[in-house]
Amino acid sequence: MESIFDKYGGNDFWQKVLNEFYETNIKDHRLTQFFESADIGKIKKMYKCLLASALSDQGDPVHVSIRRVHNPYPISQLEFEAFLENFDQVLEINRLRVEDKVQVLTIVNSYRNDVVKQ
């Protein structure tokens, strides 16, 4: 069975999705503060590796602590929801099947406790 990562075109597709996603996040007044001085290229590279690892059996394991990376940022539940909402919209625009989109968003949401400051 083909993985979600490969089903839509592998690296090229997900790079396009991430380009659109981070362009959306940068323009989103709810999230702009987190991306103003960030190395977006580095963020997209790490996120693509995370997606490849989570959505296919051929992705390399991610050896970065999601919690440690996000620790300096006071990310709230509402801001995390905005992040998920933007990702949902970009996945919809890029025509992921509903069940695949749900699976991707569930995986991303599984990192909520590592990202959000309580």
C-alpha atoms as a PDB file:
ATOM      1  CA  MET A   1       0.000   0.000   0.000  1.00  0.00           C
ATOM      2  CA  GLU A   2       1.354   3.407  -0.994  1.00  0.00           C
ATOM      3  CA  SER A   3       2.101   5.824   1.834  1.00  0.00           C
ATOM      4  CA  ILE A   4       0.381   9.195   2.102  1.00  0.00           C
ATOM      5  CA  PHE A   5       3.755  10.864   1.598  1.00  0.00           C
ATOM      6  CA  ASP A   6       4.307   9.090  -1.728  1.00  0.00           C
ATOM      7  CA  LYS A   7       0.670   8.983  -2.881  1.00  0.00           C
ATOM      8  CA  TYR A   8       0.627  12.702  -3.675  1.00  0.00           C
ATOM      9  CA  GLY A   9       4.069  13.018  -5.237  1.00  0.00           C
ATOM     10  CA  GLY A  10       6.621  12.629  -2.469  1.00  0.00           C
ATOM     11  CA  ASN A  11       9.171  15.345  -1.780  1.00  0.00           C
ATOM     12  CA  ASP A  12       8.078  17.688  -4.563  1.00  0.00           C
ATOM     13  CA  PHE A  13       4.440  17.698  -3.487  1.00  0.00           C
ATOM     14  CA  TRP A  14       5.173  18.165   0.209  1.00  0.00           C
ATOM     15  CA  GLN A  15       7.717  20.899  -0.502  1.00  0.00           C
ATOM     16  CA  LYS A  16       5.013  22.766  -2.436  1.00  0.00           C
ATOM     17  CA  VAL A  17       2.542  22.238   0.417  1.00  0.00           C
ATOM     18  CA  LEU A  18       5.042  23.506   2.986  1.00  0.00           C
ATOM     19  CA  ASN A  19       5.904  26.545   0.867  1.00  0.00           C
ATOM     20  CA  GLU A  20       2.211  27.453   0.721  1.00  0.00           C
ATOM     21  CA  PHE A  21       1.693  26.614   4.391  1.00  0.00           C
ATOM     22  CA  TYR A  22       4.487  28.805   5.690  1.00  0.00           C
ATOM     23  CA  GLU A  23       3.526  31.628   3.337  1.00  0.00           C
ATOM     24  CA  THR A  24       0.069  31.419   4.934  1.00  0.00           C
ATOM     25  CA  ASN A  25       1.498  31.342   8.467  1.00  0.00           C
ATOM     26  CA  ILE A  26       3.754  34.339   7.836  1.00  0.00           C
ATOM     27  CA  LYS A  27       0.736  36.370   6.681  1.00  0.00           C
ATOM     28  CA  ASP A  28      -1.510  35.204   9.541  1.00  0.00           C
ATOM     29  CA  HIS A  29      -1.637  37.937  12.211  1.00  0.00           C
ATOM     30  CA  ARG A  30      -2.154  35.236  14.845  1.00  0.00           C
ATOM     31  CA  LEU A  31       1.202  33.598  13.997  1.00  0.00           C
ATOM     32  CA  THR A  32       3.394  36.287  12.415  1.00  0.00           C
ATOM     33  CA  GLN A  33       5.346  36.897  15.628  1.00  0.00           C
ATOM     34  CA  PHE A  34       6.731  33.355  15.579  1.00  0.00           C
ATOM     35  CA  PHE A  35       8.092  33.618  12.057  1.00  0.00           C
ATOM     36  CA  GLU A  36       9.422  37.202  11.851  1.00  0.00           C
ATOM     37  CA  SER A  37      13.046  36.309  12.577  1.00  0.00           C
ATOM     38  CA  ALA A  38      12.876  32.565  11.964  1.00  0.00           C
ATOM     39  CA  ASP A  39      14.867  30.646   9.372  1.00  0.00           C
ATOM     40  CA  ILE A  40      11.847  29.507   7.352  1.00  0.00           C
ATOM     41  CA  GLY A  41      13.980  27.330   5.080  1.00  0.00           C
ATOM     42  CA  LYS A  42      15.291  25.413   8.084  1.00  0.00           C
ATOM     43  CA  ILE A  43      11.799  25.089   9.559  1.00  0.00           C
ATOM     44  CA  LYS A  44      10.374  23.736   6.290  1.00  0.00           C
ATOM     45  CA  LYS A  45      13.241  21.263   5.962  1.00  0.00           C
ATOM     46  CA  MET A  46      12.669  19.907   9.487  1.00  0.00           C
ATOM     47  CA  TYR A  47       8.899  19.789   8.988  1.00  0.00           C
ATOM     48  CA  LYS A  48       9.275  17.923   5.691  1.00  0.00           C
ATOM     49  CA  CYS A  49      11.531  15.368   7.407  1.00  0.00           C
ATOM     50  CA  LEU A  50       8.944  14.997  10.162  1.00  0.00           C
ATOM     51  CA  LEU A  51       6.172  14.456   7.609  1.00  0.00           C
ATOM     52  CA  ALA A  52       8.267  11.998   5.600  1.00  0.00           C
ATOM     53  CA  SER A  53       9.008  10.025   8.745  1.00  0.00           C
ATOM     54  CA  ALA A  54       5.404  10.074   9.965  1.00  0.00           C
ATOM     55  CA  LEU A  55       3.673   9.490   6.627  1.00  0.00           C
ATOM     56  CA  SER A  56       5.892   6.872   5.043  1.00  0.00           C
ATOM     57  CA  ASP A  57       7.907   3.868   6.043  1.00  0.00           C
ATOM     58  CA  GLN A  58      10.928   5.220   4.195  1.00  0.00           C
ATOM     59  CA  GLY A  59      11.394   8.540   5.981  1.00  0.00           C
ATOM     60  CA  ASP A  60      14.403   8.943   8.217  1.00  0.00           C
ATOM     61  CA  PRO A  61      13.632   9.085  11.925  1.00  0.00           C
ATOM     62  CA  VAL A  62      13.493  12.627  13.279  1.00  0.00           C
ATOM     63  CA  HIS A  63      16.190  13.160  15.876  1.00  0.00           C
ATOM     64  CA  VAL A  64      15.091  16.541  17.123  1.00  0.00           C
ATOM     65  CA  SER A  65      13.096  17.254  20.249  1.00  0.00           C
ATOM     66  CA  ILE A  66       9.917  19.027  19.193  1.00  0.00           C
ATOM     67  CA  ARG A  67       9.513  20.250  22.766  1.00  0.00           C
ATOM     68  CA  ARG A  68      13.056  21.637  22.969  1.00  0.00           C
ATOM     69  CA  VAL A  69      12.751  23.435  19.627  1.00  0.00           C
ATOM     70  CA  HIS A  70       9.477  25.098  20.640  1.00  0.00           C
ATOM     71  CA  ASN A  71      10.388  25.748  24.285  1.00  0.00           C
ATOM     72  CA  PRO A  72      11.517  29.377  23.757  1.00  0.00           C
ATOM     73  CA  TYR A  73       8.188  30.335  22.186  1.00  0.00           C
ATOM     74  CA  PRO A  74       5.070  31.101  24.262  1.00  0.00           C
ATOM     75  CA  ILE A  75       2.705  29.272  21.901  1.00  0.00           C
ATOM     76  CA  SER A  76      -0.874  29.134  23.159  1.00  0.00           C
ATOM     77  CA  GLN A  77      -3.644  26.659  22.409  1.00  0.00           C
ATOM     78  CA  LEU A  78      -5.305  29.268  20.175  1.00  0.00           C
ATOM     79  CA  GLU A  79      -2.104  29.818  18.208  1.00  0.00           C
ATOM     80  CA  PHE A  80      -1.637  26.081  17.756  1.00  0.00           C
ATOM     81  CA  GLU A  81      -5.245  25.904  16.536  1.00  0.00           C
ATOM     82  CA  ALA A  82      -4.468  28.665  14.012  1.00  0.00           C
ATOM     83  CA  PHE A  83      -1.452  26.642  12.823  1.00  0.00           C
ATOM     84  CA  LEU A  84      -3.638  23.537  12.372  1.00  0.00           C
ATOM     85  CA  GLU A  85      -6.369  25.560  10.682  1.00  0.00           C
ATOM     86  CA  ASN A  86      -3.865  26.959   8.172  1.00  0.00           C
ATOM     87  CA  PHE A  87      -2.452  23.506   7.490  1.00  0.00           C
ATOM     88  CA  ASP A  88      -5.953  22.121   7.006  1.00  0.00           C
ATOM     89  CA  GLN A  89      -6.708  24.851   4.451  1.00  0.00           C
ATOM     90  CA  VAL A  90      -3.478  24.244   2.538  1.00  0.00           C
ATOM     91  CA  LEU A  91      -4.091  20.484   2.485  1.00  0.00           C
ATOM     92  CA  GLU A  92      -7.613  21.148   1.202  1.00  0.00           C
ATOM     93  CA  ILE A  93      -6.312  23.461  -1.547  1.00  0.00           C
ATOM     94  CA  ASN A  94      -3.837  20.761  -2.558  1.00  0.00           C
ATOM     95  CA  ARG A  95      -6.663  18.223  -2.760  1.00  0.00           C
ATOM     96  CA  LEU A  96      -5.736  15.657  -0.171  1.00  0.00           C
ATOM     97  CA  ARG A  97      -8.457  13.075   0.247  1.00  0.00           C
ATOM     98  CA  VAL A  98     -10.460  13.643   3.414  1.00  0.00           C
ATOM     99  CA  GLU A  99      -9.194  10.499   5.152  1.00  0.00           C
ATOM    100  CA  ASP A 100      -5.577  11.370   4.314  1.00  0.00           C
ATOM    101  CA  LYS A 101      -6.018  14.943   5.512  1.00  0.00           C
ATOM    102  CA  VAL A 102      -7.502  13.698   8.786  1.00  0.00           C
ATOM    103  CA  GLN A 103      -4.547  11.356   9.273  1.00  0.00           C
ATOM    104  CA  VAL A 104      -1.999  14.117   8.577  1.00  0.00           C
ATOM    105  CA  LEU A 105      -3.721  16.580  10.912  1.00  0.00           C
ATOM    106  CA  THR A 106      -4.020  13.923  13.624  1.00  0.00           C
ATOM    107  CA  ILE A 107      -0.276  13.329  13.444  1.00  0.00           C
ATOM    108  CA  VAL A 108       0.486  17.051  13.631  1.00  0.00           C
ATOM    109  CA  ASN A 109      -1.977  17.462  16.502  1.00  0.00           C
ATOM    110  CA  SER A 110      -0.211  14.657  18.392  1.00  0.00           C
ATOM    111  CA  TYR A 111       2.652  17.125  18.989  1.00  0.00           C
ATOM    112  CA  ARG A 112       0.373  19.703  20.632  1.00  0.00           C
ATOM    113  CA  ASN A 113       1.629  19.033  24.167  1.00  0.00           C
ATOM    114  CA  ASP A 114       5.227  19.415  22.990  1.00  0.00           C
ATOM    115  CA  VAL A 115       4.534  22.755  21.310  1.00  0.00           C
ATOM    116  CA  VAL A 116       1.969  24.566  23.474  1.00  0.00           C
ATOM    117  CA  LYS A 117       2.914  26.316  26.701  1.00  0.00           C
ATOM    118  CA  GLN A 118       0.349  25.402  29.332  1.00  0.00           C
END
